[in-house]
Amino acid sequence: MSGQWEYQFATLAVDAGNWDMQVNDMLARWSAQGWEPVNHTALADREGFPVHFTFLFRHRIA
């Protein structure tokens, strides 16, 4: 198996009420396609609720 990785960023703007389910759905969709999350950042509004996420995903190149 090759030691090469392909990386890709993905962003998600979320609704304040159910952001955790939206993030879980996004992670499940990417994982189903063979990508694994490497890192992420979150941007919050003034009240501290997350409103935007950016994820870095990777998967092995054959």
N, C-alpha and C. Protein backbone atom coordinates (compact mmCIF):
# COMPACT_ATOMS: atom_id res chain seq x y z
N MET A 1 0.84 -1.17 0.00
CA MET A 1 0.00 0.00 0.00
C MET A 1 0.88 1.23 0.00
N SER A 2 0.51 2.20 -0.77
CA SER A 2 1.26 3.43 -0.92
C SER A 2 1.18 4.27 0.36
N GLY A 3 2.23 5.03 0.61
CA GLY A 3 2.24 5.93 1.74
C GLY A 3 1.74 7.32 1.39
N GLN A 4 1.18 7.47 0.19
CA GLN A 4 0.71 8.76 -0.27
C GLN A 4 -0.71 9.04 0.21
N TRP A 5 -0.97 10.29 0.59
CA TRP A 5 -2.28 10.72 1.03
C TRP A 5 -2.77 11.86 0.16
N GLU A 6 -4.06 11.89 -0.06
CA GLU A 6 -4.70 13.04 -0.70
C GLU A 6 -5.46 13.77 0.40
N TYR A 7 -5.36 15.10 0.41
CA TYR A 7 -6.02 15.91 1.43
C TYR A 7 -7.04 16.83 0.77
N GLN A 8 -8.12 17.10 1.49
CA GLN A 8 -9.14 18.00 0.97
C GLN A 8 -9.83 18.71 2.13
N PHE A 9 -10.07 20.01 1.95
CA PHE A 9 -10.82 20.80 2.92
C PHE A 9 -12.30 20.77 2.57
N ALA A 10 -13.14 20.81 3.59
CA ALA A 10 -14.58 20.92 3.40
C ALA A 10 -15.13 21.86 4.47
N THR A 11 -16.06 22.70 4.09
CA THR A 11 -16.65 23.64 5.04
C THR A 11 -18.13 23.37 5.20
N LEU A 12 -18.63 23.76 6.34
CA LEU A 12 -20.04 23.54 6.68
C LEU A 12 -20.53 24.73 7.48
N ALA A 13 -21.54 25.44 6.95
CA ALA A 13 -22.22 26.49 7.70
C ALA A 13 -23.43 25.83 8.36
N VAL A 14 -23.57 26.01 9.66
CA VAL A 14 -24.58 25.26 10.41
C VAL A 14 -25.65 26.18 10.99
N ASP A 15 -26.81 25.59 11.29
CA ASP A 15 -27.86 26.27 12.02
C ASP A 15 -27.55 26.16 13.50
N ALA A 16 -27.84 27.20 14.25
CA ALA A 16 -27.50 27.23 15.67
C ALA A 16 -28.20 26.13 16.47
N GLY A 17 -29.38 25.73 16.07
CA GLY A 17 -30.15 24.79 16.87
C GLY A 17 -29.66 23.36 16.86
N ASN A 18 -29.22 22.87 15.71
CA ASN A 18 -28.86 21.45 15.62
C ASN A 18 -27.51 21.25 14.93
N TRP A 19 -26.55 22.07 15.28
CA TRP A 19 -25.24 22.00 14.62
C TRP A 19 -24.55 20.67 14.83
N ASP A 20 -24.73 20.04 15.98
CA ASP A 20 -24.05 18.77 16.24
C ASP A 20 -24.51 17.68 15.29
N MET A 21 -25.79 17.63 14.99
CA MET A 21 -26.30 16.62 14.04
C MET A 21 -25.82 16.91 12.62
N GLN A 22 -25.72 18.18 12.27
CA GLN A 22 -25.23 18.54 10.94
C GLN A 22 -23.77 18.13 10.77
N VAL A 23 -22.97 18.34 11.81
CA VAL A 23 -21.56 17.94 11.77
C VAL A 23 -21.46 16.41 11.68
N ASN A 24 -22.23 15.70 12.48
CA ASN A 24 -22.22 14.23 12.44
C ASN A 24 -22.62 13.71 11.07
N ASP A 25 -23.62 14.32 10.45
CA ASP A 25 -24.05 13.91 9.10
C ASP A 25 -22.93 14.12 8.08
N MET A 26 -22.26 15.27 8.18
CA MET A 26 -21.16 15.54 7.25
C MET A 26 -20.03 14.54 7.43
N LEU A 27 -19.64 14.27 8.68
CA LEU A 27 -18.58 13.30 8.93
C LEU A 27 -18.96 11.91 8.43
N ALA A 28 -20.21 11.52 8.58
CA ALA A 28 -20.66 10.21 8.11
C ALA A 28 -20.60 10.12 6.59
N ARG A 29 -21.01 11.18 5.91
CA ARG A 29 -20.96 11.18 4.43
C ARG A 29 -19.53 11.06 3.92
N TRP A 30 -18.62 11.82 4.50
CA TRP A 30 -17.22 11.75 4.06
C TRP A 30 -16.60 10.40 4.40
N SER A 31 -16.89 9.89 5.58
CA SER A 31 -16.34 8.59 5.99
C SER A 31 -16.83 7.47 5.09
N ALA A 32 -18.08 7.55 4.67
CA ALA A 32 -18.63 6.53 3.77
C ALA A 32 -17.91 6.51 2.43
N GLN A 33 -17.27 7.61 2.06
CA GLN A 33 -16.53 7.68 0.80
C GLN A 33 -15.03 7.40 0.99
N GLY A 34 -14.64 6.95 2.18
CA GLY A 34 -13.26 6.57 2.43
C GLY A 34 -12.35 7.67 2.97
N TRP A 35 -12.92 8.81 3.31
CA TRP A 35 -12.13 9.92 3.85
C TRP A 35 -12.15 9.87 5.37
N GLU A 36 -11.05 10.28 5.99
CA GLU A 36 -11.02 10.36 7.45
C GLU A 36 -10.66 11.79 7.86
N PRO A 37 -11.31 12.30 8.90
CA PRO A 37 -11.00 13.66 9.35
C PRO A 37 -9.64 13.71 10.03
N VAL A 38 -8.88 14.75 9.70
CA VAL A 38 -7.56 14.92 10.27
C VAL A 38 -7.57 16.05 11.31
N ASN A 39 -8.26 17.13 10.98
CA ASN A 39 -8.30 18.28 11.86
C ASN A 39 -9.53 19.11 11.52
N HIS A 40 -9.88 20.03 12.40
CA HIS A 40 -11.01 20.92 12.13
C HIS A 40 -10.86 22.23 12.88
N THR A 41 -11.59 23.23 12.42
CA THR A 41 -11.71 24.50 13.12
C THR A 41 -13.19 24.84 13.21
N ALA A 42 -13.54 25.65 14.19
CA ALA A 42 -14.92 26.08 14.36
C ALA A 42 -14.94 27.59 14.58
N LEU A 43 -15.89 28.25 13.95
CA LEU A 43 -16.09 29.68 14.13
C LEU A 43 -17.41 29.86 14.86
N ALA A 44 -17.41 30.69 15.91
CA ALA A 44 -18.61 30.88 16.72
C ALA A 44 -19.14 32.30 16.57
N ASP A 45 -20.43 32.44 16.88
CA ASP A 45 -21.03 33.77 16.89
C ASP A 45 -20.74 34.46 18.22
N ARG A 46 -21.29 35.62 18.44
CA ARG A 46 -21.00 36.39 19.65
C ARG A 46 -21.43 35.69 20.93
N GLU A 47 -22.45 34.85 20.84
CA GLU A 47 -22.92 34.13 22.03
C GLU A 47 -22.15 32.84 22.28
N GLY A 48 -21.24 32.50 21.38
CA GLY A 48 -20.43 31.30 21.57
C GLY A 48 -20.96 30.07 20.88
N PHE A 49 -22.04 30.21 20.08
CA PHE A 49 -22.58 29.06 19.36
C PHE A 49 -21.83 28.87 18.05
N PRO A 50 -21.44 27.63 17.73
CA PRO A 50 -20.73 27.40 16.47
C PRO A 50 -21.63 27.68 15.27
N VAL A 51 -21.07 28.36 14.28
CA VAL A 51 -21.83 28.69 13.07
C VAL A 51 -21.15 28.21 11.80
N HIS A 52 -19.88 27.84 11.88
CA HIS A 52 -19.14 27.46 10.68
C HIS A 52 -18.01 26.51 11.09
N PHE A 53 -17.87 25.43 10.36
CA PHE A 53 -16.80 24.46 10.60
C PHE A 53 -16.01 24.27 9.31
N THR A 54 -14.72 24.08 9.45
CA THR A 54 -13.86 23.67 8.34
C THR A 54 -13.12 22.42 8.77
N PHE A 55 -13.20 21.39 7.94
CA PHE A 55 -12.54 20.12 8.22
C PHE A 55 -11.47 19.85 7.19
N LEU A 56 -10.40 19.21 7.63
CA LEU A 56 -9.38 18.69 6.74
C LEU A 56 -9.54 17.17 6.74
N PHE A 57 -9.79 16.61 5.56
CA PHE A 57 -9.94 15.16 5.40
C PHE A 57 -8.78 14.61 4.60
N ARG A 58 -8.52 13.32 4.77
CA ARG A 58 -7.49 12.65 3.97
C ARG A 58 -7.96 11.24 3.62
N HIS A 59 -7.39 10.72 2.52
CA HIS A 59 -7.55 9.31 2.19
C HIS A 59 -6.34 8.86 1.39
N ARG A 60 -6.07 7.57 1.46
CA ARG A 60 -4.90 6.99 0.78
C ARG A 60 -5.10 6.97 -0.72
N ILE A 61 -4.01 7.27 -1.41
CA ILE A 61 -3.99 7.18 -2.87
C ILE A 61 -3.50 5.78 -3.24
N ALA A 62 -4.22 5.12 -4.08
CA ALA A 62 -3.85 3.74 -4.47
C ALA A 62 -2.61 3.72 -5.34
